[in-house]
C-alpha atoms as a PDB file:
ATOM      1  CA  MET A   1      17.806   1.304  -8.052  1.00  0.00           C
ATOM      2  CA  VAL A   2      16.359   2.045  -4.662  1.00  0.00           C
ATOM      3  CA  PRO A   3      16.094   6.026  -4.392  1.00  0.00           C
ATOM      4  CA  ASP A   4      18.949   7.438  -2.626  1.00  0.00           C
ATOM      5  CA  ASP A   5      16.659   9.820  -0.394  1.00  0.00           C
ATOM      6  CA  TRP A   6      15.606   6.574   1.116  1.00  0.00           C
ATOM      7  CA  TYR A   7      19.001   5.776   2.679  1.00  0.00           C
ATOM      8  CA  SER A   8      20.859   9.250   2.647  1.00  0.00           C
ATOM      9  CA  HIS A   9      20.736  13.015   2.929  1.00  0.00           C
ATOM     10  CA  SER A  10      22.621  13.775  -0.140  1.00  0.00           C
ATOM     11  CA  ASP A  11      21.801  16.886  -1.724  1.00  0.00           C
ATOM     12  CA  ILE A  12      18.953  16.931  -4.415  1.00  0.00           C
ATOM     13  CA  PHE A  13      21.433  17.875  -7.327  1.00  0.00           C
ATOM     14  CA  THR A  14      23.889  14.736  -6.739  1.00  0.00           C
ATOM     15  CA  ARG A  15      20.270  12.880  -6.765  1.00  0.00           C
ATOM     16  CA  LEU A  16      19.208  13.632  -9.817  1.00  0.00           C
ATOM     17  CA  GLN A  17      22.441  13.293 -11.510  1.00  0.00           C
ATOM     18  CA  LYS A  18      22.651   9.635 -10.544  1.00  0.00           C
ATOM     19  CA  ARG A  19      18.530   9.179 -12.185  1.00  0.00           C
ATOM     20  CA  SER A  20      19.299  11.055 -15.467  1.00  0.00           C
ATOM     21  CA  GLY A  21      18.552   8.919 -18.223  1.00  0.00           C
ATOM     22  CA  HIS A  22      16.677   5.826 -15.458  1.00  0.00           C
ATOM     23  CA  ASP A  23      13.488   6.618 -16.035  1.00  0.00           C
ATOM     24  CA  THR A  24      12.050   2.531 -15.341  1.00  0.00           C
ATOM     25  CA  ILE A  25       9.330   2.248 -13.011  1.00  0.00           C
ATOM     26  CA  LEU A  26      11.048   1.289 -10.275  1.00  0.00           C
ATOM     27  CA  VAL A  27      12.214   5.009 -10.143  1.00  0.00           C
ATOM     28  CA  GLN A  28       8.192   5.625 -11.608  1.00  0.00           C
ATOM     29  CA  LEU A  29       6.838   4.025  -8.204  1.00  0.00           C
ATOM     30  CA  ALA A  30       9.292   5.174  -6.198  1.00  0.00           C
ATOM     31  CA  ASP A  31       8.437   8.856  -7.171  1.00  0.00           C
ATOM     32  CA  ILE A  32       5.130   8.302  -6.447  1.00  0.00           C
ATOM     33  CA  ILE A  33       5.837   6.356  -2.858  1.00  0.00           C
ATOM     34  CA  ASN A  34       7.652  10.084  -2.222  1.00  0.00           C
ATOM     35  CA  ARG A  35       4.650  11.750  -2.684  1.00  0.00           C
ATOM     36  CA  THR A  36       2.324   9.527  -0.309  1.00  0.00           C
ATOM     37  CA  LYS A  37       1.831  11.128   3.118  1.00  0.00           C
ATOM     38  CA  PRO A  38       3.027   9.084   6.380  1.00  0.00           C
ATOM     39  CA  GLY A  39      -0.035   6.812   7.180  1.00  0.00           C
ATOM     40  CA  GLY A  40      -0.917   6.452   3.618  1.00  0.00           C
ATOM     41  CA  LEU A  41      -1.530   3.141   2.016  1.00  0.00           C
ATOM     42  CA  VAL A  42       0.263   2.323  -1.506  1.00  0.00           C
ATOM     43  CA  ILE A  43      -1.131  -0.583  -3.567  1.00  0.00           C
ATOM     44  CA  LEU A  44       0.998  -2.248  -6.274  1.00  0.00           C
ATOM     45  CA  ASP A  45      -1.374  -4.114  -8.333  1.00  0.00           C
ATOM     46  CA  SER A  46       0.767  -5.519  -9.685  1.00  0.00           C
ATOM     47  CA  VAL A  47       4.226  -6.667  -8.436  1.00  0.00           C
ATOM     48  CA  THR A  48       3.667  -9.621 -10.926  1.00  0.00           C
ATOM     49  CA  ASP A  49       3.353  -7.952 -14.087  1.00  0.00           C
ATOM     50  CA  ILE A  50       6.793  -5.962 -12.723  1.00  0.00           C
ATOM     51  CA  ALA A  51       8.816  -9.273 -11.489  1.00  0.00           C
ATOM     52  CA  GLY A  52       7.662 -10.860 -14.741  1.00  0.00           C
ATOM     53  CA  GLN A  53       9.520  -8.382 -16.848  1.00  0.00           C
ATOM     54  CA  ALA A  54      12.488  -8.788 -14.542  1.00  0.00           C
ATOM     55  CA  GLN A  55      13.927 -12.242 -15.321  1.00  0.00           C
ATOM     56  CA  VAL A  56      17.688 -11.022 -16.010  1.00  0.00           C
ATOM     57  CA  PRO A  57      19.444 -11.237 -12.829  1.00  0.00           C
ATOM     58  CA  ALA A  58      20.704  -7.701 -12.613  1.00  0.00           C
ATOM     59  CA  THR A  59      17.033  -6.064 -13.606  1.00  0.00           C
ATOM     60  CA  TRP A  60      15.581  -8.446 -10.700  1.00  0.00           C
ATOM     61  CA  GLN A  61      18.451  -7.631  -7.848  1.00  0.00           C
ATOM     62  CA  ASN A  62      16.455  -3.960  -8.531  1.00  0.00           C
ATOM     63  CA  LEU A  63      13.511  -5.586  -8.510  1.00  0.00           C
ATOM     64  CA  THR A  64      14.129  -6.943  -5.081  1.00  0.00           C
ATOM     65  CA  GLY A  65      16.121  -3.978  -3.672  1.00  0.00           C
ATOM     66  CA  PHE A  66      13.522  -1.226  -4.353  1.00  0.00           C
ATOM     67  CA  LEU A  67      10.924  -3.819  -2.678  1.00  0.00           C
ATOM     68  CA  ARG A  68      13.755  -3.897   0.434  1.00  0.00           C
ATOM     69  CA  GLY A  69      13.871  -0.372   0.314  1.00  0.00           C
ATOM     70  CA  LEU A  70       9.845   0.451  -0.234  1.00  0.00           C
ATOM     71  CA  GLN A  71       9.951  -2.013   2.778  1.00  0.00           C
ATOM     72  CA  ARG A  72      12.105   0.194   5.140  1.00  0.00           C
ATOM     73  CA  ILE A  73      10.792   3.508   3.762  1.00  0.00           C
ATOM     74  CA  SER A  74       6.879   2.337   4.515  1.00  0.00           C
ATOM     75  CA  LYS A  75       8.260   1.686   8.734  1.00  0.00           C
ATOM     76  CA  GLN A  76      10.152   5.135   9.058  1.00  0.00           C
ATOM     77  CA  ARG A  77       6.687   6.654   7.341  1.00  0.00           C
ATOM     78  CA  GLY A  78       3.863   4.188   8.521  1.00  0.00           C
ATOM     79  CA  ILE A  79       2.661   4.012   4.903  1.00  0.00           C
ATOM     80  CA  THR A  80       0.980   0.646   5.056  1.00  0.00           C
ATOM     81  CA  THR A  81       1.795  -0.941   1.381  1.00  0.00           C
ATOM     82  CA  TYR A  82      -0.303  -4.326  -0.399  1.00  0.00           C
ATOM     83  CA  LEU A  83       1.660  -5.709  -2.776  1.00  0.00           C
ATOM     84  CA  LEU A  84      -0.128  -7.948  -5.206  1.00  0.00           C
ATOM     85  CA  LEU A  85       1.753 -11.539  -6.644  1.00  0.00           C
ATOM     86  CA  SER A  86      -0.043 -13.922  -8.380  1.00  0.00           C
ATOM     87  CA  ARG A  87       0.958 -17.473  -7.934  1.00  0.00           C
ATOM     88  CA  GLY A  88       2.235 -20.040 -10.299  1.00  0.00           C
ATOM     89  CA  ILE A  89       3.645 -17.123 -12.781  1.00  0.00           C
ATOM     90  CA  LEU A  90       7.136 -16.669 -11.326  1.00  0.00           C
ATOM     91  CA  GLU A  91       9.774 -19.372 -10.193  1.00  0.00           C
ATOM     92  CA  SER A  92       8.881 -20.737  -6.948  1.00  0.00           C
ATOM     93  CA  SER A  93      12.120 -19.466  -5.597  1.00  0.00           C
ATOM     94  CA  GLN A  94      11.572 -15.837  -7.043  1.00  0.00           C
ATOM     95  CA  GLU A  95       8.243 -16.073  -5.029  1.00  0.00           C
ATOM     96  CA  LYS A  96       9.610 -16.938  -2.114  1.00  0.00           C
ATOM     97  CA  GLU A  97      12.427 -13.896  -2.042  1.00  0.00           C
ATOM     98  CA  ILE A  98       9.475 -11.512  -2.557  1.00  0.00           C
ATOM     99  CA  SER A  99       7.594 -13.284   0.513  1.00  0.00           C
ATOM    100  CA  GLU A 100      10.531 -13.198   2.829  1.00  0.00           C
ATOM    101  CA  ILE A 101      11.305  -9.161   1.865  1.00  0.00           C
ATOM    102  CA  ALA A 102       7.402  -8.974   3.102  1.00  0.00           C
ATOM    103  CA  ASP A 103       6.314  -8.441   6.469  1.00  0.00           C
ATOM    104  CA  ALA A 104       3.385 -10.895   5.872  1.00  0.00           C
ATOM    105  CA  VAL A 105       2.084 -12.575   3.512  1.00  0.00           C
ATOM    106  CA  LEU A 106      -1.504 -13.286   3.116  1.00  0.00           C
ATOM    107  CA  LEU A 107      -2.513 -16.395   0.617  1.00  0.00           C
ATOM    108  CA  PHE A 108      -5.697 -16.301  -1.062  1.00  0.00           C
ATOM    109  CA  ARG A 109      -7.942 -20.133  -2.638  1.00  0.00           C
ATOM    110  CA  TRP A 110     -10.643 -21.597  -2.992  1.00  0.00           C
ATOM    111  CA  GLU A 111     -11.473 -25.362  -0.763  1.00  0.00           C
ATOM    112  CA  GLU A 112     -14.394 -26.965  -0.951  1.00  0.00           C
ATOM    113  CA  THR A 113     -16.122 -28.076   2.069  1.00  0.00           C
ATOM    114  CA  SER A 114     -18.720 -30.930   3.109  1.00  0.00           C
ATOM    115  CA  GLY A 115     -21.081 -30.962   0.656  1.00  0.00           C
ATOM    116  CA  ALA A 116     -19.405 -30.080  -2.276  1.00  0.00           C
ATOM    117  CA  ARG A 117     -20.322 -26.144  -1.478  1.00  0.00           C
ATOM    118  CA  ARG A 118     -16.634 -24.146  -2.080  1.00  0.00           C
ATOM    119  CA  GLN A 119     -15.308 -21.576   0.088  1.00  0.00           C
ATOM    120  CA  ARG A 120     -12.996 -19.316  -0.366  1.00  0.00           C
ATOM    121  CA  VAL A 121     -10.223 -18.844   2.375  1.00  0.00           C
ATOM    122  CA  MET A 122      -7.262 -16.397   3.093  1.00  0.00           C
ATOM    123  CA  TYR A 123      -4.855 -17.713   5.369  1.00  0.00           C
ATOM    124  CA  PHE A 124      -1.963 -16.325   6.522  1.00  0.00           C
ATOM    125  CA  GLU A 125       1.451 -18.159   5.424  1.00  0.00           C
ATOM    126  CA  LYS A 126       4.317 -15.124   6.737  1.00  0.00           C
ATOM    127  CA  PHE A 127       3.041 -12.577   9.518  1.00  0.00           C
ATOM    128  CA  ARG A 128       5.740 -11.085  11.102  1.00  0.00           C
ATOM    129  CA  GLY A 129       5.477 -10.602  15.101  1.00  0.00           C
ATOM    130  CA  VAL A 130       2.012 -12.645  14.800  1.00  0.00           C
ATOM    131  CA  MET A 131       2.499 -16.223  13.814  1.00  0.00           C
ATOM    132  CA  PRO A 132       4.434 -17.089  16.846  1.00  0.00           C
ATOM    133  CA  HIS A 133       1.725 -16.232  19.131  1.00  0.00           C
ATOM    134  CA  LEU A 134      -1.075 -17.840  17.178  1.00  0.00           C
ATOM    135  CA  GLU A 135       1.429 -21.567  16.381  1.00  0.00           C
ATOM    136  CA  GLU A 136       1.889 -20.935  20.601  1.00  0.00           C
ATOM    137  CA  ARG A 137      -1.945 -21.004  21.514  1.00  0.00           C
ATOM    138  CA  ASP A 138      -2.691 -23.482  18.144  1.00  0.00           C
ATOM    139  CA  LEU A 139      -4.658 -20.974  16.817  1.00  0.00           C
ATOM    140  CA  VAL A 140      -5.669 -23.175  13.755  1.00  0.00           C
ATOM    141  CA  LYS A 141      -8.214 -21.924  11.809  1.00  0.00           C
ATOM    142  CA  PHE A 142     -10.888 -18.654  12.168  1.00  0.00           C
ATOM    143  CA  ALA A 143     -12.955 -17.066  10.531  1.00  0.00           C
ATOM    144  CA  VAL A 144     -13.447 -13.283   9.570  1.00  0.00           C
ATOM    145  CA  ARG A 145     -15.032 -10.946   8.121  1.00  0.00           C
ATOM    146  CA  ILE A 146     -14.819  -7.981   6.533  1.00  0.00           C
ATOM    147  CA  SER A 147     -17.087  -4.485   6.487  1.00  0.00           C
ATOM    148  CA  THR A 148     -16.874  -1.143   6.175  1.00  0.00           C
ATOM    149  CA  THR A 149     -18.584  -0.353   9.561  1.00  0.00           C
ATOM    150  CA  SER A 150     -16.581  -2.725  11.861  1.00  0.00           C
ATOM    151  CA  GLY A 151     -13.165  -3.671   9.737  1.00  0.00           C
ATOM    152  CA  PHE A 152     -10.998  -6.528   9.675  1.00  0.00           C
ATOM    153  CA  GLU A 153     -13.223  -8.856  12.233  1.00  0.00           C
ATOM    154  CA  VAL A 154     -12.210 -11.911  13.870  1.00  0.00           C
ATOM    155  CA  SER A 155     -14.699 -14.494  14.943  1.00  0.00           C
ATOM    156  CA  ASN A 156     -15.331 -18.300  15.909  1.00  0.00           C
ATOM    157  CA  ILE A 157     -12.188 -19.003  16.651  1.00  0.00           C
ATOM    158  CA  ARG A 158     -11.194 -23.348  16.462  1.00  0.00           C
ATOM    159  CA  VAL A 159      -8.408 -24.865  18.102  1.00  0.00           C
ATOM    160  CA  ILE A 160      -7.463 -27.958  17.342  1.00  0.00           C
ATOM    161  CA  ILE A 161      -6.556 -30.099  20.689  1.00  0.00           C
END
């Protein structure tokens, strides 16, 4: 289900012949991605809904193939793509397969702190190209803040010795 024009340079007539009768959600998403300007932002809310409907092996392969193609075309066009996936809906192996396709995986959860205070925690489970640098410097926890003026700020870095 990866659009041909993401990989090949065949003429539009050939591509339209291949697509006829295949008006699926993946084709519709591909059309939206194709209309996205270079340097744009795409947020798919939610991949959980799409993946939940792809329980048949052939359909699952179409979805993962589409996501691999999406990763490739996003890099080529400089598009930032966020995929939202809720934990516990899909099988663990399917969650892992989707996370292996992604360049970065951020997880959010609630954590109990001292004094029975709950705090929302975000951490990187995977961040291709960055994680080895954090691990070699033993950077374990750091506070972040997201604001409209400063963007993504990292502060209060704690090193575990």
